[in-house]
Protein backbone atom coordinates (compact mmCIF):
# COMPACT_ATOMS: atom_id res chain seq x y z
CA MET A 1 -34.90 63.44 -33.43
CA GLU A 2 -32.82 65.64 -30.91
CA ARG A 3 -30.93 68.52 -32.92
CA LYS A 4 -27.43 68.70 -32.73
CA LYS A 5 -25.51 71.65 -30.63
CA ILE A 6 -23.77 74.34 -32.92
CA LEU A 7 -21.34 76.96 -30.62
CA LEU A 8 -21.23 80.16 -32.64
CA VAL A 9 -18.17 82.06 -32.34
CA ASP A 10 -17.09 85.23 -34.11
CA ASP A 11 -16.65 88.94 -32.67
CA HIS A 12 -19.13 90.60 -34.92
CA GLU A 13 -22.51 90.30 -33.62
CA VAL A 14 -23.98 90.88 -37.16
CA VAL A 15 -22.19 87.72 -38.35
CA ARG A 16 -23.73 85.59 -35.28
CA ILE A 17 -26.87 86.94 -35.94
CA GLY A 18 -27.10 85.78 -39.73
CA LEU A 19 -25.26 82.14 -38.83
CA LYS A 20 -27.74 81.80 -36.12
CA ALA A 21 -30.66 82.58 -38.50
CA LEU A 22 -29.23 80.74 -41.19
CA ILE A 23 -28.58 77.13 -38.90
CA ASN A 24 -31.64 77.06 -37.18
CA ARG A 25 -33.60 77.07 -40.40
CA GLU A 26 -32.21 73.31 -40.21
CA PRO A 27 -34.12 70.68 -38.89
CA ASP A 28 -31.26 68.91 -37.25
CA ILE A 29 -28.89 71.52 -36.00
CA GLU A 30 -29.25 73.92 -33.57
CA VAL A 31 -27.26 77.11 -32.23
CA VAL A 32 -27.01 76.46 -28.47
CA GLY A 33 -24.38 79.69 -27.51
CA GLU A 34 -22.51 82.26 -28.67
CA ALA A 35 -18.73 84.15 -28.01
CA ALA A 36 -17.33 86.91 -28.97
CA ASN A 37 -13.40 86.05 -28.15
CA ALA A 38 -11.53 83.14 -27.20
CA PRO A 39 -11.78 82.66 -23.72
CA GLU A 40 -15.43 82.70 -24.28
CA ALA A 41 -15.36 80.26 -26.75
CA VAL A 42 -13.49 77.84 -24.42
CA THR A 43 -15.82 78.77 -21.45
CA GLN A 44 -18.80 77.95 -23.59
CA ALA A 45 -17.66 75.11 -25.19
CA LYS A 46 -16.57 73.54 -21.35
CA SER A 47 -20.18 74.24 -20.19
CA LEU A 48 -22.23 73.63 -23.56
CA ARG A 49 -20.30 70.58 -24.75
CA PRO A 50 -21.70 71.41 -28.45
CA ASP A 51 -21.42 68.90 -31.08
CA VAL A 52 -19.83 71.75 -33.39
CA VAL A 53 -18.17 74.90 -33.09
CA LEU A 54 -18.15 77.11 -35.57
CA MET A 55 -15.63 79.56 -35.05
CA ASP A 56 -13.84 82.71 -36.57
CA ILE A 57 -10.33 82.30 -36.96
CA ARG A 58 -9.43 86.25 -35.44
CA LEU A 59 -11.48 87.15 -32.65
CA GLY A 60 -10.19 90.78 -32.32
CA THR A 61 -7.37 90.96 -30.33
CA THR A 62 -7.72 86.98 -29.76
CA SER A 63 -7.21 84.15 -31.45
CA GLY A 64 -9.64 81.41 -33.16
CA ILE A 65 -6.35 79.35 -33.36
CA ASP A 66 -5.71 79.15 -29.68
CA ALA A 67 -9.27 78.77 -28.68
CA CYS A 68 -9.56 75.48 -30.92
CA ARG A 69 -6.26 74.15 -29.73
CA GLN A 70 -8.15 74.25 -26.05
CA ILE A 71 -11.09 72.92 -27.31
CA THR A 72 -9.97 70.00 -29.44
CA ALA A 73 -7.46 69.13 -26.42
CA GLN A 74 -10.51 69.18 -23.80
CA LEU A 75 -13.16 68.32 -25.81
CA SER A 76 -13.04 65.39 -27.88
CA GLY A 77 -16.64 65.04 -28.60
CA SER A 78 -16.80 68.91 -30.24
CA LYS A 79 -15.47 69.29 -34.22
CA VAL A 80 -14.23 73.00 -34.56
CA ILE A 81 -14.70 74.37 -37.88
CA MET A 82 -12.83 77.55 -38.75
CA LEU A 83 -14.55 80.74 -40.75
CA THR A 84 -12.17 83.06 -42.27
CA SER A 85 -12.60 86.10 -44.48
CA TYR A 86 -9.15 85.34 -46.68
CA ALA A 87 -7.73 82.16 -47.53
CA GLU A 88 -4.23 82.50 -45.67
CA ASP A 89 -1.65 79.68 -46.32
CA GLU A 90 -0.31 80.28 -42.52
CA MET A 91 -3.65 80.73 -40.54
CA LEU A 92 -4.90 77.15 -42.63
CA PHE A 93 -2.20 75.00 -41.59
CA ALA A 94 -2.29 76.34 -38.24
CA ALA A 95 -5.92 75.70 -38.12
CA ILE A 96 -5.12 72.04 -39.42
CA ARG A 97 -2.72 71.38 -36.87
CA THR A 98 -4.57 72.38 -34.08
CA GLY A 99 -7.56 69.66 -34.77
CA ALA A 100 -9.66 72.03 -37.03
CA VAL A 101 -12.00 69.43 -39.20
CA GLY A 102 -13.02 72.49 -41.61
CA TYR A 103 -11.99 75.64 -42.90
CA VAL A 104 -14.63 77.70 -44.81
CA LEU A 105 -14.13 81.54 -46.67
CA LYS A 106 -17.45 83.77 -45.55
CA GLN A 107 -17.78 84.67 -48.53
CA ALA A 108 -18.49 81.06 -50.00
CA GLY A 109 -21.96 81.05 -49.07
CA GLY A 110 -24.59 79.76 -46.37
CA TRP A 111 -24.79 76.41 -48.18
CA GLU A 112 -21.44 75.70 -47.83
CA VAL A 113 -21.24 76.82 -44.18
CA ILE A 114 -24.21 74.11 -43.51
CA ARG A 115 -22.25 71.73 -45.57
CA ALA A 116 -19.45 72.01 -43.28
CA ILE A 117 -21.48 71.49 -40.39
CA HIS A 118 -22.67 68.78 -41.51
CA ALA A 119 -19.45 67.03 -42.63
CA ALA A 120 -18.05 67.55 -39.08
CA LEU A 121 -21.43 65.77 -37.65
CA ALA A 122 -20.64 62.93 -39.90
CA GLY A 123 -16.91 62.67 -38.94
CA ALA A 124 -15.51 63.84 -42.60
CA ARG A 125 -13.27 66.74 -43.02
CA MET A 126 -13.60 69.70 -45.23
CA LEU A 127 -12.04 72.74 -46.76
CA ASP A 128 -13.09 75.20 -49.18
CA PRO A 129 -11.97 75.13 -52.56
CA ALA A 130 -9.91 77.85 -52.50
CA ALA A 131 -8.09 76.35 -49.21
CA ARG A 132 -8.11 72.81 -50.71
CA GLU A 133 -6.27 74.31 -53.69
CA SER A 134 -3.25 75.79 -51.08
CA VAL A 135 -2.96 72.49 -49.38
CA PHE A 136 -2.71 70.33 -52.83
CA GLU A 137 0.27 72.70 -53.86
CA THR A 138 2.21 72.95 -50.49
CA VAL A 139 1.90 68.94 -50.11
CA ARG A 140 3.03 68.76 -53.75
CA GLN A 141 5.81 71.24 -52.91
CA ALA A 142 6.69 68.93 -49.96
CA ALA A 143 7.04 65.99 -51.94
CA CYS A 144 8.79 67.58 -54.55
CA SER A 145 11.33 69.04 -51.79
CA GLN A 146 11.78 65.07 -50.46
CA ALA A 147 12.10 63.98 -53.83
CA GLY A 148 14.92 66.35 -54.29
CA GLY A 149 16.67 65.46 -51.14
CA ALA A 150 16.69 61.78 -52.49
CA PHE A 151 18.68 62.59 -55.05
CA ALA A 152 20.91 65.14 -53.87
CA GLY A 153 23.84 63.40 -54.76
CA LEU A 154 23.38 63.05 -58.32
CA ASN A 155 23.75 65.68 -60.66
CA SER A 156 21.40 66.41 -63.36
CA ALA A 157 22.75 64.21 -66.16
CA GLU A 158 22.59 61.66 -63.60
CA GLN A 159 19.12 61.92 -62.38
CA ARG A 160 18.06 61.71 -66.35
CA VAL A 161 19.99 58.86 -66.77
CA LEU A 162 18.39 56.97 -63.83
CA ALA A 163 15.02 58.26 -64.94
CA ARG A 164 15.85 55.97 -67.83
CA ILE A 165 16.79 53.08 -66.02
CA THR A 166 13.23 53.02 -64.37
CA THR A 167 11.41 52.49 -67.60
CA GLY A 168 14.11 49.36 -68.67
CA ASP A 169 16.32 51.05 -71.06
CA THR A 170 19.84 49.39 -72.15
CA ASN A 171 22.72 51.52 -71.76
CA ARG A 172 22.80 51.86 -75.88
CA GLU A 173 18.81 53.21 -75.76
CA ILE A 174 19.83 55.67 -73.17
CA ALA A 175 23.08 56.81 -75.03
CA ARG A 176 20.86 57.20 -78.22
CA GLN A 177 17.82 59.12 -76.38
CA LEU A 178 20.04 61.46 -74.41
CA HIS A 179 22.57 62.09 -77.11
CA LEU A 180 25.57 60.43 -75.24
CA GLY A 181 28.61 58.00 -75.99
CA GLU A 182 27.62 54.73 -74.60
CA GLY A 183 30.72 54.36 -72.32
CA THR A 184 29.62 57.93 -70.69
CA VAL A 185 25.97 56.17 -69.80
CA ARG A 186 28.06 53.15 -68.57
CA ASN A 187 30.33 55.58 -66.09
CA TYR A 188 26.76 57.45 -65.41
CA VAL A 189 25.45 54.01 -64.22
CA SER A 190 28.40 53.22 -61.99
CA SER A 191 28.27 56.40 -60.46
CA ILE A 192 24.46 56.81 -59.89
CA LEU A 193 24.79 52.81 -58.31
CA ALA A 194 27.88 54.30 -55.98
CA LYS A 195 25.84 57.16 -55.05
CA LEU A 196 22.74 55.75 -53.89
CA ASN A 197 24.70 53.08 -52.37
CA VAL A 198 22.53 50.05 -54.32
CA ALA A 199 23.95 47.06 -55.98
CA ASN A 200 22.22 46.74 -59.52
CA ARG A 201 19.79 48.55 -61.91
CA ALA A 202 17.13 47.15 -60.36
CA GLU A 203 17.55 48.48 -57.28
CA ALA A 204 18.70 51.70 -59.15
CA ALA A 205 14.81 51.56 -60.58
CA ALA A 206 13.03 50.44 -57.56
CA TYR A 207 14.77 53.42 -55.60
CA ALA A 208 13.91 55.95 -58.19
CA THR A 209 10.06 54.88 -58.43
CA LYS A 210 10.16 54.88 -54.49
CA TYR A 211 11.21 58.92 -54.49
CA LYS A 212 9.27 59.62 -57.61
CA LEU A 213 12.53 60.80 -59.60
CA ASN A 214 10.03 61.39 -62.65
CA GLU A 215 7.35 63.11 -61.17
CA MET A 216 10.01 65.54 -59.64
CA LEU A 217 12.11 66.06 -63.16
CA GLU A 218 8.20 66.82 -64.90
CA THR A 219 8.27 69.53 -62.41
CA LEU A 220 11.67 71.07 -63.48
């Protein structure tokens, strides 16, 4: 079986030696080239056309992000995995935006690096668990921000009333649960329909469900 080609990119020779020894123990992958900076990485990638580029995100005075952008743009068959010493949000999302399919912390252990390489070869993406939590939190915050924008025209009381509308509660039930007068609830409902530009309670409930009102309120 032909072994898949790996290009190592790290500005520390000792790191490259260790990674090369680790990778070459695997029966299906082998290191075919090394580079110490971004320009070398791009040149080597064009020449060797590796299946996977394992690259440090910081390369001395150059950037692995820049190299990743060029490699993924010019070599569709080469997958890039970023290595880093720290789970930095800014660098993580920059790597994802430029096409990296993996993001692994150096201190995670050799097995994690090998697992990331095999995942990339299989067409999958892999994030270090520490980095994954950062991604999920950012996505959650973005979703909450979107939801907040969808209901920006409603005051807090109207949002709570709308949340009860989504469960099918009547004005009397909402009044009892929120300790409001039934007439007050009726006024809130009329205001909600006007502000959301919907015709009835069912459309209001559908709108609230679409933009995840209840999830937003749970985070407040």
